[in-house]
Amino acid sequence: MGDGHQPVIDCFDRGKAMLNRVVTGAHYGLRDWLVQRVTAVVMALFVLFVVGYLLLQPRVDYDVWTRMFSNNVTRSFALLFLLSLFYHAWIGVRDIVMDYVKPASIRLLIHVLVILALLMYSIWSVQILWGF
C-alpha cells in the first residue's frame, strides 16, 4: 500500500498469476499450422504425380495401375501421402473435438477411437502397398 488508500501495483506480481493459470484445450499453434501446410504439400505433390502419370498413359487400366505401384519409389511416396493424410486428419479432428466437445470423458473417448482408427489405417496401408 502506497499512502494507505491506494494499493501499489507490482508489475512483477502479474507473472505469478500467469504461472498459476490452467491450460485447457489444444494450444499447439505454430507447430500444427506448419504440419498442416507440409502435409498438404506432400498430398498435393502425390496427387500431381499420379495425375501426371495417368495423363501420359494411352489408356488407364489395371496393368497401368499395377505397373505404377510396382515401383518401390511410388509405393514409398504413396505411403508418405497416406501417413500425411492421416496426420493431417488427426490435427483437424483433434481441433474440432477440442473446440466443440465439452465433456472431457467424451472428448477422450473420441480421441482414443480416432487414434486407434488412424493407426489401423496406417497398418492397413502398409499391407496394401507391400502385400504383407
N, C-alpha and C. Protein backbone atom coordinates (compact mmCIF):
# COMPACT_ATOMS: atom_id res chain seq x y z
N MET A 1 0.84 -1.17 0.00
CA MET A 1 0.00 0.00 0.00
C MET A 1 0.89 1.23 0.00
N GLY A 2 0.56 2.15 -0.90
CA GLY A 2 1.36 3.37 -1.01
C GLY A 2 1.09 4.33 0.13
N ASP A 3 -0.01 5.05 0.05
CA ASP A 3 -0.34 6.03 1.07
C ASP A 3 -1.42 5.52 2.01
N GLY A 4 -1.73 4.26 1.95
CA GLY A 4 -2.73 3.69 2.82
C GLY A 4 -4.10 3.60 2.19
N HIS A 5 -4.30 4.31 1.09
CA HIS A 5 -5.60 4.30 0.43
C HIS A 5 -5.60 3.53 -0.88
N GLN A 6 -4.55 3.65 -1.63
CA GLN A 6 -4.45 3.02 -2.95
C GLN A 6 -3.45 1.87 -2.88
N PRO A 7 -3.80 0.70 -3.43
CA PRO A 7 -2.83 -0.39 -3.46
C PRO A 7 -1.73 -0.09 -4.47
N VAL A 8 -0.53 -0.50 -4.14
CA VAL A 8 0.60 -0.34 -5.05
C VAL A 8 0.57 -1.53 -6.01
N ILE A 9 0.61 -1.22 -7.28
CA ILE A 9 0.58 -2.28 -8.29
C ILE A 9 2.01 -2.71 -8.58
N ASP A 10 2.25 -3.96 -8.36
CA ASP A 10 3.57 -4.53 -8.63
C ASP A 10 3.53 -5.14 -10.02
N CYS A 11 4.30 -4.57 -10.94
CA CYS A 11 4.25 -5.08 -12.31
C CYS A 11 4.86 -6.48 -12.41
N PHE A 12 5.65 -6.90 -11.44
CA PHE A 12 6.23 -8.24 -11.46
C PHE A 12 5.31 -9.28 -10.82
N ASP A 13 4.34 -8.84 -10.04
CA ASP A 13 3.41 -9.76 -9.38
C ASP A 13 2.45 -10.41 -10.38
N ARG A 14 2.26 -9.75 -11.51
CA ARG A 14 1.37 -10.27 -12.54
C ARG A 14 1.82 -11.63 -13.06
N GLY A 15 3.09 -11.88 -13.10
CA GLY A 15 3.64 -13.14 -13.59
C GLY A 15 3.24 -14.32 -12.73
N LYS A 16 3.06 -14.09 -11.41
CA LYS A 16 2.63 -15.18 -10.53
C LYS A 16 1.25 -15.68 -10.91
N ALA A 17 0.36 -14.77 -11.24
CA ALA A 17 -0.98 -15.16 -11.64
C ALA A 17 -0.96 -15.91 -12.96
N MET A 18 -0.07 -15.53 -13.85
CA MET A 18 0.01 -16.20 -15.14
C MET A 18 0.59 -17.60 -14.99
N LEU A 19 1.46 -17.81 -14.04
CA LEU A 19 2.03 -19.13 -13.84
C LEU A 19 1.01 -20.11 -13.27
N ASN A 20 0.01 -19.61 -12.58
CA ASN A 20 -0.97 -20.46 -11.94
C ASN A 20 -2.19 -20.77 -12.82
N ARG A 21 -2.22 -20.24 -14.02
CA ARG A 21 -3.40 -20.50 -14.86
C ARG A 21 -3.37 -21.94 -15.36
N VAL A 22 -4.55 -22.47 -15.55
CA VAL A 22 -4.69 -23.84 -16.02
C VAL A 22 -4.94 -23.79 -17.52
N VAL A 23 -4.12 -24.50 -18.27
CA VAL A 23 -4.26 -24.53 -19.72
C VAL A 23 -5.19 -25.66 -20.09
N THR A 24 -6.23 -25.34 -20.83
CA THR A 24 -7.15 -26.36 -21.30
C THR A 24 -7.29 -26.21 -22.80
N GLY A 25 -7.55 -27.32 -23.46
CA GLY A 25 -7.76 -27.28 -24.90
C GLY A 25 -6.47 -27.49 -25.66
N ALA A 26 -6.60 -27.40 -26.98
CA ALA A 26 -5.47 -27.63 -27.87
C ALA A 26 -4.80 -26.29 -28.18
N HIS A 27 -3.60 -26.12 -27.72
CA HIS A 27 -2.85 -24.90 -27.98
C HIS A 27 -1.49 -25.28 -28.55
N TYR A 28 -1.50 -25.79 -29.76
CA TYR A 28 -0.26 -26.24 -30.37
C TYR A 28 0.28 -25.23 -31.36
N GLY A 29 -0.56 -24.32 -31.80
CA GLY A 29 -0.18 -23.16 -32.57
C GLY A 29 0.65 -23.39 -33.82
N LEU A 30 1.83 -22.80 -33.81
CA LEU A 30 2.68 -22.76 -34.99
C LEU A 30 3.05 -24.15 -35.48
N ARG A 31 3.33 -25.08 -34.58
CA ARG A 31 3.72 -26.43 -34.98
C ARG A 31 2.61 -27.08 -35.80
N ASP A 32 1.38 -27.03 -35.32
CA ASP A 32 0.27 -27.64 -36.06
C ASP A 32 0.00 -26.92 -37.36
N TRP A 33 0.12 -25.61 -37.36
CA TRP A 33 -0.06 -24.84 -38.59
C TRP A 33 0.96 -25.29 -39.63
N LEU A 34 2.21 -25.44 -39.21
CA LEU A 34 3.27 -25.86 -40.12
C LEU A 34 3.06 -27.30 -40.59
N VAL A 35 2.69 -28.20 -39.69
CA VAL A 35 2.45 -29.60 -40.07
C VAL A 35 1.30 -29.67 -41.06
N GLN A 36 0.24 -28.90 -40.84
CA GLN A 36 -0.89 -28.90 -41.78
C GLN A 36 -0.42 -28.48 -43.17
N ARG A 37 0.44 -27.47 -43.24
CA ARG A 37 0.92 -26.99 -44.55
C ARG A 37 1.84 -28.00 -45.20
N VAL A 38 2.75 -28.59 -44.44
CA VAL A 38 3.70 -29.56 -45.00
C VAL A 38 2.95 -30.80 -45.49
N THR A 39 2.03 -31.31 -44.69
CA THR A 39 1.28 -32.50 -45.12
C THR A 39 0.42 -32.18 -46.34
N ALA A 40 -0.12 -30.98 -46.40
CA ALA A 40 -0.92 -30.59 -47.58
C ALA A 40 -0.05 -30.55 -48.83
N VAL A 41 1.17 -30.05 -48.71
CA VAL A 41 2.09 -30.01 -49.86
C VAL A 41 2.44 -31.43 -50.30
N VAL A 42 2.73 -32.31 -49.36
CA VAL A 42 3.05 -33.71 -49.70
C VAL A 42 1.87 -34.34 -50.44
N MET A 43 0.66 -34.14 -49.93
CA MET A 43 -0.51 -34.72 -50.57
C MET A 43 -0.73 -34.13 -51.97
N ALA A 44 -0.54 -32.83 -52.11
CA ALA A 44 -0.71 -32.20 -53.42
C ALA A 44 0.33 -32.72 -54.42
N LEU A 45 1.58 -32.87 -53.99
CA LEU A 45 2.61 -33.39 -54.88
C LEU A 45 2.29 -34.81 -55.34
N PHE A 46 1.81 -35.64 -54.42
CA PHE A 46 1.46 -37.01 -54.81
C PHE A 46 0.30 -37.02 -55.80
N VAL A 47 -0.72 -36.21 -55.57
CA VAL A 47 -1.85 -36.14 -56.49
C VAL A 47 -1.38 -35.67 -57.87
N LEU A 48 -0.52 -34.66 -57.90
CA LEU A 48 0.01 -34.18 -59.18
C LEU A 48 0.82 -35.28 -59.88
N PHE A 49 1.60 -36.03 -59.11
CA PHE A 49 2.38 -37.14 -59.67
C PHE A 49 1.46 -38.18 -60.31
N VAL A 50 0.44 -38.60 -59.58
CA VAL A 50 -0.47 -39.63 -60.08
C VAL A 50 -1.23 -39.12 -61.31
N VAL A 51 -1.75 -37.91 -61.23
CA VAL A 51 -2.49 -37.35 -62.37
C VAL A 51 -1.57 -37.23 -63.58
N GLY A 52 -0.35 -36.72 -63.37
CA GLY A 52 0.61 -36.60 -64.47
C GLY A 52 0.94 -37.95 -65.08
N TYR A 53 1.18 -38.93 -64.24
CA TYR A 53 1.49 -40.27 -64.73
C TYR A 53 0.34 -40.84 -65.56
N LEU A 54 -0.87 -40.69 -65.05
CA LEU A 54 -2.03 -41.24 -65.74
C LEU A 54 -2.33 -40.51 -67.04
N LEU A 55 -2.09 -39.20 -67.07
CA LEU A 55 -2.31 -38.45 -68.31
C LEU A 55 -1.33 -38.85 -69.41
N LEU A 56 -0.16 -39.33 -69.02
CA LEU A 56 0.84 -39.75 -70.01
C LEU A 56 0.58 -41.15 -70.55
N GLN A 57 -0.37 -41.85 -70.00
CA GLN A 57 -0.69 -43.22 -70.44
C GLN A 57 -1.74 -43.17 -71.56
N PRO A 58 -1.57 -44.01 -72.58
CA PRO A 58 -2.56 -44.01 -73.66
C PRO A 58 -3.93 -44.51 -73.18
N ARG A 59 -3.93 -45.41 -72.24
CA ARG A 59 -5.18 -45.88 -71.64
C ARG A 59 -4.88 -46.22 -70.17
N VAL A 60 -5.89 -46.14 -69.35
CA VAL A 60 -5.72 -46.44 -67.93
C VAL A 60 -6.51 -47.70 -67.63
N ASP A 61 -5.79 -48.73 -67.22
CA ASP A 61 -6.42 -49.98 -66.84
C ASP A 61 -5.64 -50.61 -65.69
N TYR A 62 -5.99 -51.81 -65.36
CA TYR A 62 -5.35 -52.50 -64.23
C TYR A 62 -3.84 -52.62 -64.41
N ASP A 63 -3.39 -52.91 -65.63
CA ASP A 63 -1.96 -53.06 -65.89
C ASP A 63 -1.19 -51.76 -65.64
N VAL A 64 -1.78 -50.63 -65.98
CA VAL A 64 -1.13 -49.33 -65.74
C VAL A 64 -1.00 -49.09 -64.24
N TRP A 65 -2.06 -49.33 -63.48
CA TRP A 65 -2.02 -49.16 -62.03
C TRP A 65 -1.00 -50.11 -61.41
N THR A 66 -0.98 -51.36 -61.87
CA THR A 66 -0.04 -52.34 -61.33
C THR A 66 1.40 -51.94 -61.62
N ARG A 67 1.64 -51.47 -62.85
CA ARG A 67 2.99 -51.04 -63.23
C ARG A 67 3.42 -49.82 -62.39
N MET A 68 2.49 -48.90 -62.19
CA MET A 68 2.84 -47.70 -61.41
C MET A 68 3.21 -48.08 -59.97
N PHE A 69 2.45 -48.97 -59.35
CA PHE A 69 2.70 -49.31 -57.95
C PHE A 69 3.68 -50.46 -57.77
N SER A 70 4.25 -50.96 -58.87
CA SER A 70 5.28 -51.99 -58.73
C SER A 70 6.64 -51.37 -58.38
N ASN A 71 6.76 -50.08 -58.56
CA ASN A 71 7.99 -49.35 -58.25
C ASN A 71 8.00 -49.01 -56.76
N ASN A 72 9.10 -49.33 -56.07
CA ASN A 72 9.20 -49.05 -54.63
C ASN A 72 9.19 -47.55 -54.32
N VAL A 73 9.68 -46.73 -55.23
CA VAL A 73 9.64 -45.27 -55.01
C VAL A 73 8.19 -44.80 -54.98
N THR A 74 7.38 -45.31 -55.92
CA THR A 74 5.96 -44.93 -55.95
C THR A 74 5.25 -45.44 -54.70
N ARG A 75 5.56 -46.65 -54.29
CA ARG A 75 4.94 -47.18 -53.06
C ARG A 75 5.31 -46.33 -51.85
N SER A 76 6.58 -45.97 -51.78
CA SER A 76 7.03 -45.14 -50.65
C SER A 76 6.36 -43.78 -50.67
N PHE A 77 6.26 -43.19 -51.86
CA PHE A 77 5.60 -41.89 -51.99
C PHE A 77 4.12 -42.01 -51.63
N ALA A 78 3.49 -43.13 -52.03
CA ALA A 78 2.09 -43.36 -51.68
C ALA A 78 1.93 -43.52 -50.16
N LEU A 79 2.87 -44.23 -49.54
CA LEU A 79 2.80 -44.38 -48.08
C LEU A 79 3.01 -43.03 -47.39
N LEU A 80 3.93 -42.23 -47.90
CA LEU A 80 4.14 -40.89 -47.34
C LEU A 80 2.87 -40.06 -47.50
N PHE A 81 2.22 -40.18 -48.66
CA PHE A 81 0.95 -39.50 -48.88
C PHE A 81 -0.09 -39.92 -47.84
N LEU A 82 -0.23 -41.23 -47.65
CA LEU A 82 -1.25 -41.73 -46.72
C LEU A 82 -0.94 -41.34 -45.27
N LEU A 83 0.32 -41.44 -44.87
CA LEU A 83 0.68 -41.03 -43.50
C LEU A 83 0.46 -39.53 -43.31
N SER A 84 0.76 -38.74 -44.35
CA SER A 84 0.48 -37.30 -44.29
C SER A 84 -1.02 -37.04 -44.17
N LEU A 85 -1.79 -37.80 -44.93
CA LEU A 85 -3.25 -37.67 -44.87
C LEU A 85 -3.77 -37.99 -43.48
N PHE A 86 -3.27 -39.07 -42.89
CA PHE A 86 -3.74 -39.47 -41.56
C PHE A 86 -3.35 -38.44 -40.51
N TYR A 87 -2.12 -37.92 -40.58
CA TYR A 87 -1.69 -36.93 -39.59
C TYR A 87 -2.45 -35.62 -39.78
N HIS A 88 -2.65 -35.24 -41.04
CA HIS A 88 -3.43 -34.04 -41.36
C HIS A 88 -4.85 -34.18 -40.81
N ALA A 89 -5.43 -35.37 -40.99
CA ALA A 89 -6.78 -35.62 -40.48
C ALA A 89 -6.80 -35.58 -38.95
N TRP A 90 -5.77 -36.14 -38.31
CA TRP A 90 -5.72 -36.15 -36.85
C TRP A 90 -5.74 -34.73 -36.31
N ILE A 91 -4.93 -33.85 -36.88
CA ILE A 91 -4.88 -32.47 -36.38
C ILE A 91 -6.25 -31.80 -36.55
N GLY A 92 -6.88 -32.01 -37.69
CA GLY A 92 -8.19 -31.41 -37.92
C GLY A 92 -9.26 -31.95 -36.99
N VAL A 93 -9.31 -33.26 -36.86
CA VAL A 93 -10.32 -33.88 -35.98
C VAL A 93 -10.07 -33.48 -34.53
N ARG A 94 -8.82 -33.52 -34.10
CA ARG A 94 -8.49 -33.16 -32.72
C ARG A 94 -8.92 -31.73 -32.41
N ASP A 95 -8.63 -30.81 -33.33
CA ASP A 95 -9.00 -29.41 -33.09
C ASP A 95 -10.52 -29.23 -33.05
N ILE A 96 -11.23 -29.91 -33.93
CA ILE A 96 -12.69 -29.81 -33.92
C ILE A 96 -13.26 -30.37 -32.63
N VAL A 97 -12.75 -31.53 -32.22
CA VAL A 97 -13.23 -32.14 -30.97
C VAL A 97 -12.91 -31.25 -29.78
N MET A 98 -11.71 -30.69 -29.74
CA MET A 98 -11.33 -29.82 -28.62
C MET A 98 -12.20 -28.56 -28.57
N ASP A 99 -12.61 -28.08 -29.73
CA ASP A 99 -13.43 -26.86 -29.78
C ASP A 99 -14.90 -27.11 -29.45
N TYR A 100 -15.44 -28.25 -29.88
CA TYR A 100 -16.89 -28.42 -29.82
C TYR A 100 -17.39 -29.49 -28.87
N VAL A 101 -16.54 -30.39 -28.41
CA VAL A 101 -16.98 -31.42 -27.45
C VAL A 101 -16.49 -31.00 -26.07
N LYS A 102 -17.40 -30.63 -25.21
CA LYS A 102 -17.02 -30.07 -23.91
C LYS A 102 -16.75 -31.11 -22.82
N PRO A 103 -17.54 -32.18 -22.69
CA PRO A 103 -17.25 -33.15 -21.62
C PRO A 103 -15.91 -33.86 -21.89
N ALA A 104 -15.03 -33.80 -20.91
CA ALA A 104 -13.69 -34.36 -21.08
C ALA A 104 -13.71 -35.86 -21.34
N SER A 105 -14.64 -36.58 -20.72
CA SER A 105 -14.69 -38.04 -20.91
C SER A 105 -15.07 -38.40 -22.35
N ILE A 106 -16.01 -37.69 -22.93
CA ILE A 106 -16.41 -37.95 -24.31
C ILE A 106 -15.30 -37.53 -25.26
N ARG A 107 -14.66 -36.40 -24.96
CA ARG A 107 -13.54 -35.94 -25.78
C ARG A 107 -12.42 -36.97 -25.78
N LEU A 108 -12.10 -37.52 -24.61
CA LEU A 108 -11.05 -38.53 -24.51
C LEU A 108 -11.44 -39.78 -25.30
N LEU A 109 -12.68 -40.21 -25.18
CA LEU A 109 -13.15 -41.39 -25.91
C LEU A 109 -13.02 -41.17 -27.42
N ILE A 110 -13.45 -40.03 -27.90
CA ILE A 110 -13.35 -39.73 -29.34
C ILE A 110 -11.89 -39.72 -29.77
N HIS A 111 -11.03 -39.09 -28.98
CA HIS A 111 -9.60 -39.05 -29.32
C HIS A 111 -9.01 -40.46 -29.41
N VAL A 112 -9.31 -41.29 -28.44
CA VAL A 112 -8.78 -42.66 -28.44
C VAL A 112 -9.29 -43.43 -29.65
N LEU A 113 -10.57 -43.31 -29.95
CA LEU A 113 -11.14 -44.03 -31.09
C LEU A 113 -10.52 -43.55 -32.41
N VAL A 114 -10.35 -42.26 -32.55
CA VAL A 114 -9.75 -41.72 -33.78
C VAL A 114 -8.30 -42.17 -33.90
N ILE A 115 -7.54 -42.12 -32.82
CA ILE A 115 -6.14 -42.56 -32.85
C ILE A 115 -6.06 -44.04 -33.23
N LEU A 116 -6.90 -44.87 -32.63
CA LEU A 116 -6.88 -46.30 -32.96
C LEU A 116 -7.25 -46.53 -34.42
N ALA A 117 -8.25 -45.80 -34.91
CA ALA A 117 -8.64 -45.95 -36.32
C ALA A 117 -7.50 -45.53 -37.24
N LEU A 118 -6.86 -44.42 -36.95
CA LEU A 118 -5.76 -43.95 -37.80
C LEU A 118 -4.57 -44.90 -37.76
N LEU A 119 -4.29 -45.47 -36.60
CA LEU A 119 -3.22 -46.47 -36.52
C LEU A 119 -3.56 -47.71 -37.34
N MET A 120 -4.80 -48.14 -37.26
CA MET A 120 -5.22 -49.29 -38.06
C MET A 120 -5.15 -48.98 -39.55
N TYR A 121 -5.55 -47.78 -39.94
CA TYR A 121 -5.45 -47.38 -41.34
C TYR A 121 -3.99 -47.38 -41.80
N SER A 122 -3.08 -46.95 -40.93
CA SER A 122 -1.66 -46.94 -41.28
C SER A 122 -1.14 -48.35 -41.50
N ILE A 123 -1.50 -49.26 -40.61
CA ILE A 123 -1.09 -50.66 -40.76
C ILE A 123 -1.69 -51.25 -42.04
N TRP A 124 -2.94 -50.98 -42.27
CA TRP A 124 -3.62 -51.48 -43.45
C TRP A 124 -2.97 -50.93 -44.72
N SER A 125 -2.55 -49.67 -44.70
CA SER A 125 -1.89 -49.05 -45.86
C SER A 125 -0.60 -49.79 -46.21
N VAL A 126 0.18 -50.13 -45.21
CA VAL A 126 1.42 -50.87 -45.45
C VAL A 126 1.10 -52.24 -46.03
N GLN A 127 0.08 -52.90 -45.48
CA GLN A 127 -0.32 -54.20 -46.01
C GLN A 127 -0.77 -54.12 -47.46
N ILE A 128 -1.50 -53.10 -47.80
CA ILE A 128 -1.98 -52.95 -49.18
C ILE A 128 -0.82 -52.64 -50.12
N LEU A 129 0.05 -51.70 -49.74
CA LEU A 129 1.11 -51.27 -50.64
C LEU A 129 2.20 -52.32 -50.82
N TRP A 130 2.51 -53.06 -49.79
CA TRP A 130 3.60 -54.05 -49.87
C TRP A 130 3.11 -55.49 -49.84
N GLY A 131 1.82 -55.70 -49.74
CA GLY A 131 1.27 -57.04 -49.82
C GLY A 131 1.61 -57.95 -48.68
N PHE A 132 1.78 -57.40 -47.48
CA PHE A 132 2.07 -58.24 -46.31
C PHE A 132 0.84 -58.94 -45.83
